[in-house]
Amino acid sequence: MSIINEALAPCSKCGQKHKITIYKSVNVADNPELKDKVRDGSLFLWECPHCGQMNLAKYEILYHDPALKLMVWLIPQGEISETQMQAITMHTKAMGGYMLRRVNDMGSLMEKVLVRDAGLNDVVLEMCKYVTKLEMVQKIVDQEKKDAFMASVFHFYKADDEAITFMYGQDGQMLGVNVGMNVYQDCDGILERNPQMKPADGFERIDAEWLASRLA
């Protein structure tokens, strides 16, 4: 079930503190209306009743989608209770087939949900992002710009039968790049041939840093 609490939060503009609703856990089987709020990030936004400022609430939350067997643990401070994590990991093992992920920010939580909803594998997508960057960076001449581009973060935006769209920031703008599904299939094949790339059991953090550690 979803666990809902209240907390005091200061407005980022006027500084006044107000009671806001926070979700320690979200089970979209019990509260399907919360899924879209996670997908678009509105679950974490609150408006200051004093000055009207929109604020972003940063808090720990466990997202659970039983139908898609997905659990994502958002931990903004990067710390996690090992005992609690092991208990949930063992519980989901008993149910079988769960994908467990750990993220540090709201955007990453949104991405994990979107990826699972699209029926895609986030590990394969990280490889897709990497090979796409390698191809695109060849067109950049300046080394400093090359390094900046490789350090940019690609985010999954959408997918259809023919292509996957990633979004990334460059020079203060959000740009998009389409990647053919054949690239996804090729990356899936690479991972199948390299079992050391398989995520460990438990709430693994799958991102560009994780992939780099496996490729080193």
Protein backbone atom coordinates (compact mmCIF):
# COMPACT_ATOMS: atom_id res chain seq x y z
CA MET A 1 0.00 0.00 0.00
CA SER A 2 1.02 3.64 -0.35
CA ILE A 3 2.34 5.38 2.76
CA ILE A 4 1.52 9.11 2.95
CA ASN A 5 2.88 11.54 5.56
CA GLU A 6 3.11 15.26 6.19
CA ALA A 7 6.26 17.33 6.63
CA LEU A 8 7.26 20.96 7.12
CA ALA A 9 9.09 22.44 4.14
CA PRO A 10 10.50 25.95 3.60
CA CYS A 11 9.59 27.86 0.44
CA SER A 12 12.61 28.43 -1.79
CA LYS A 13 11.51 32.03 -2.42
CA CYS A 14 9.98 33.51 0.75
CA GLY A 15 11.36 31.04 3.26
CA GLN A 16 8.06 30.43 5.03
CA LYS A 17 7.48 26.85 6.17
CA HIS A 18 4.33 24.98 5.27
CA LYS A 19 2.93 21.51 5.71
CA ILE A 20 3.27 19.45 2.56
CA THR A 21 2.26 15.91 1.62
CA ILE A 22 5.10 13.46 1.12
CA TYR A 23 4.90 9.86 -0.04
CA LYS A 24 7.20 7.41 1.74
CA SER A 25 6.01 4.73 -0.66
CA VAL A 26 3.72 4.58 -3.68
CA ASN A 27 1.94 1.42 -4.77
CA VAL A 28 0.32 2.16 -8.12
CA ALA A 29 -1.91 -0.91 -7.85
CA ASP A 30 -3.58 0.70 -4.82
CA ASN A 31 -3.30 4.29 -6.07
CA PRO A 32 -3.16 4.23 -9.91
CA GLU A 33 -3.73 8.01 -10.03
CA LEU A 34 -0.24 8.51 -8.56
CA LYS A 35 1.54 6.85 -11.47
CA ASP A 36 1.11 9.79 -13.86
CA LYS A 37 2.21 12.15 -11.09
CA VAL A 38 5.45 10.21 -10.79
CA ARG A 39 5.89 10.03 -14.56
CA ASP A 40 5.60 13.82 -14.98
CA GLY A 41 7.24 14.78 -11.67
CA SER A 42 4.20 16.62 -10.28
CA LEU A 43 4.15 14.35 -7.22
CA PHE A 44 7.19 16.25 -5.93
CA LEU A 45 5.97 19.80 -6.63
CA TRP A 46 4.14 22.04 -4.15
CA GLU A 47 2.97 25.64 -4.37
CA CYS A 48 3.69 28.05 -1.54
CA PRO A 49 0.34 29.43 -0.29
CA HIS A 50 2.07 32.64 0.78
CA CYS A 51 3.92 33.75 -2.38
CA GLY A 52 2.82 31.27 -5.05
CA GLN A 53 6.32 29.89 -5.67
CA MET A 54 6.46 26.36 -7.05
CA ASN A 55 8.87 24.25 -5.03
CA LEU A 56 10.48 20.86 -5.49
CA ALA A 57 10.23 18.53 -2.51
CA LYS A 58 13.18 16.16 -2.14
CA TYR A 59 12.51 13.09 -0.05
CA GLU A 60 12.99 9.34 0.04
CA ILE A 61 10.30 7.28 -1.67
CA LEU A 62 9.82 3.65 -2.68
CA TYR A 63 7.91 3.31 -5.95
CA HIS A 64 6.16 -0.03 -6.51
CA ASP A 65 4.35 -1.23 -9.62
CA PRO A 66 3.22 -4.83 -8.95
CA ALA A 67 1.83 -5.32 -12.47
CA LEU A 68 5.21 -4.57 -14.08
CA LYS A 69 7.19 -6.03 -11.15
CA LEU A 70 9.15 -2.83 -10.67
CA MET A 71 10.48 -1.26 -7.48
CA VAL A 72 12.52 1.93 -7.58
CA TRP A 73 13.95 3.42 -4.41
CA LEU A 74 14.61 7.15 -4.62
CA ILE A 75 17.18 8.11 -1.99
CA PRO A 76 18.25 11.76 -2.46
CA GLN A 77 21.12 11.53 0.03
CA GLY A 78 22.49 8.37 -1.56
CA GLU A 79 22.25 6.39 1.69
CA ILE A 80 20.15 3.31 2.28
CA SER A 81 19.35 1.04 5.19
CA GLU A 82 21.10 -2.25 4.36
CA THR A 83 18.77 -4.21 6.66
CA GLN A 84 15.65 -2.73 5.06
CA MET A 85 17.06 -3.19 1.57
CA GLN A 86 17.88 -6.86 2.17
CA ALA A 87 14.45 -7.52 3.66
CA ILE A 88 12.65 -6.07 0.61
CA THR A 89 15.06 -7.81 -1.77
CA MET A 90 14.32 -11.20 -0.20
CA HIS A 91 10.59 -10.48 -0.28
CA THR A 92 10.63 -9.64 -3.99
CA LYS A 93 12.80 -12.68 -4.75
CA ALA A 94 10.05 -14.84 -3.32
CA MET A 95 7.55 -13.19 -5.68
CA GLY A 96 9.94 -13.63 -8.62
CA GLY A 97 10.89 -11.52 -11.64
CA TYR A 98 11.17 -8.13 -9.97
CA MET A 99 13.43 -5.37 -11.28
CA LEU A 100 14.90 -3.48 -8.32
CA ARG A 101 16.58 -0.12 -8.87
CA ARG A 102 18.04 2.65 -6.73
CA VAL A 103 18.17 6.30 -7.89
CA ASN A 104 19.40 9.56 -6.38
CA ASP A 105 17.08 12.09 -8.01
CA MET A 106 13.53 12.61 -9.20
CA GLY A 107 14.48 12.68 -12.89
CA SER A 108 16.07 9.24 -12.66
CA LEU A 109 12.97 7.85 -10.94
CA MET A 110 10.79 9.25 -13.71
CA GLU A 111 13.06 7.69 -16.33
CA LYS A 112 13.02 4.23 -14.73
CA VAL A 113 9.21 4.28 -14.68
CA LEU A 114 8.98 5.44 -18.31
CA VAL A 115 11.48 2.81 -19.45
CA ARG A 116 9.64 -0.03 -17.73
CA ASP A 117 6.28 1.22 -19.07
CA ALA A 118 7.78 1.13 -22.57
CA GLY A 119 8.76 -2.52 -22.08
CA LEU A 120 12.49 -1.76 -22.40
CA ASN A 121 15.55 -2.79 -20.39
CA ASP A 122 17.34 0.09 -18.64
CA VAL A 123 20.72 -1.69 -18.80
CA VAL A 124 20.42 -2.03 -22.58
CA LEU A 125 19.36 1.62 -22.81
CA GLU A 126 22.48 2.74 -20.93
CA MET A 127 24.56 0.90 -23.52
CA CYS A 128 22.51 2.57 -26.29
CA LYS A 129 23.22 5.98 -24.79
CA TYR A 130 26.92 5.22 -24.65
CA VAL A 131 27.30 3.97 -28.24
CA THR A 132 25.14 6.86 -29.51
CA LYS A 133 27.41 9.36 -27.77
CA LEU A 134 30.49 7.68 -29.27
CA GLU A 135 29.01 8.03 -32.75
CA MET A 136 27.87 11.64 -32.29
CA VAL A 137 31.09 12.84 -30.68
CA GLN A 138 33.04 11.97 -33.83
CA LYS A 139 31.49 15.04 -35.47
CA ILE A 140 32.92 17.39 -32.81
CA VAL A 141 36.40 18.75 -33.51
CA ASP A 142 37.25 20.71 -30.35
CA GLN A 143 38.51 18.40 -27.59
CA GLU A 144 37.00 20.46 -24.78
CA LYS A 145 33.60 20.27 -26.47
CA LYS A 146 34.09 16.54 -27.00
CA ASP A 147 34.68 16.04 -23.28
CA ALA A 148 31.67 18.19 -22.37
CA PHE A 149 29.44 16.25 -24.75
CA MET A 150 30.55 12.87 -23.40
CA ALA A 151 29.83 14.12 -19.88
CA SER A 152 26.30 15.21 -20.81
CA VAL A 153 23.40 13.15 -19.50
CA PHE A 154 21.09 11.41 -21.94
CA HIS A 155 17.53 10.83 -20.72
CA PHE A 156 15.03 8.38 -22.19
CA TYR A 157 12.05 10.31 -23.55
CA LYS A 158 9.93 7.89 -25.60
CA ALA A 159 9.99 4.87 -27.89
CA ASP A 160 7.95 3.36 -30.71
CA ASP A 161 8.37 0.36 -32.99
CA GLU A 162 11.07 2.09 -35.03
CA ALA A 163 13.08 4.37 -32.76
CA ILE A 164 14.01 5.49 -29.26
CA THR A 165 14.27 9.20 -28.45
CA PHE A 166 16.84 10.51 -25.97
CA MET A 167 16.95 14.09 -24.68
CA TYR A 168 20.10 15.89 -23.52
CA GLY A 169 21.24 19.38 -22.60
CA GLN A 170 23.70 21.34 -24.69
CA ASP A 171 24.56 25.05 -24.55
CA GLY A 172 21.52 25.77 -22.41
CA GLN A 173 19.13 23.97 -24.76
CA MET A 174 17.36 20.61 -24.59
CA LEU A 175 18.01 18.60 -27.73
CA GLY A 176 16.72 15.24 -28.90
CA VAL A 177 18.26 12.38 -30.85
CA ASN A 178 16.47 9.40 -32.37
CA VAL A 179 18.11 5.98 -32.24
CA GLY A 180 16.87 3.10 -34.37
CA MET A 181 15.53 0.03 -32.60
CA ASN A 182 18.24 -1.94 -34.40
CA VAL A 183 20.78 -0.18 -32.16
CA TYR A 184 18.82 -1.29 -29.09
CA GLN A 185 18.75 -4.86 -30.39
CA ASP A 186 22.51 -4.77 -31.10
CA CYS A 187 23.21 -3.50 -27.58
CA ASP A 188 20.94 -6.19 -26.15
CA GLY A 189 23.04 -8.78 -28.00
CA ILE A 190 26.27 -7.32 -26.61
CA LEU A 191 24.95 -7.62 -23.07
CA GLU A 192 23.73 -11.17 -23.66
CA ARG A 193 27.26 -12.14 -24.71
CA ASN A 194 28.78 -10.48 -21.66
CA PRO A 195 27.15 -11.88 -18.51
CA GLN A 196 29.44 -9.76 -16.31
CA MET A 197 27.26 -6.82 -17.34
CA LYS A 198 24.27 -8.31 -15.53
CA PRO A 199 23.16 -6.20 -12.54
CA ALA A 200 23.65 -7.65 -9.08
CA ASP A 201 20.72 -8.72 -6.95
CA GLY A 202 19.15 -5.99 -4.87
CA PHE A 203 18.57 -2.31 -5.47
CA GLU A 204 21.25 -1.62 -8.07
CA ARG A 205 21.89 1.89 -9.38
CA ILE A 206 21.97 1.56 -13.18
CA ASP A 207 23.31 4.70 -14.88
CA ALA A 208 26.23 5.93 -16.98
CA GLU A 209 28.61 5.61 -14.02
CA TRP A 210 27.56 1.99 -13.46
CA LEU A 211 28.10 1.18 -17.14
CA ALA A 212 31.54 2.83 -17.13
CA SER A 213 32.56 0.64 -14.17
CA ARG A 214 31.60 -2.47 -16.16
CA LEU A 215 33.41 -1.32 -19.30
CA ALA A 216 36.64 -0.39 -17.48
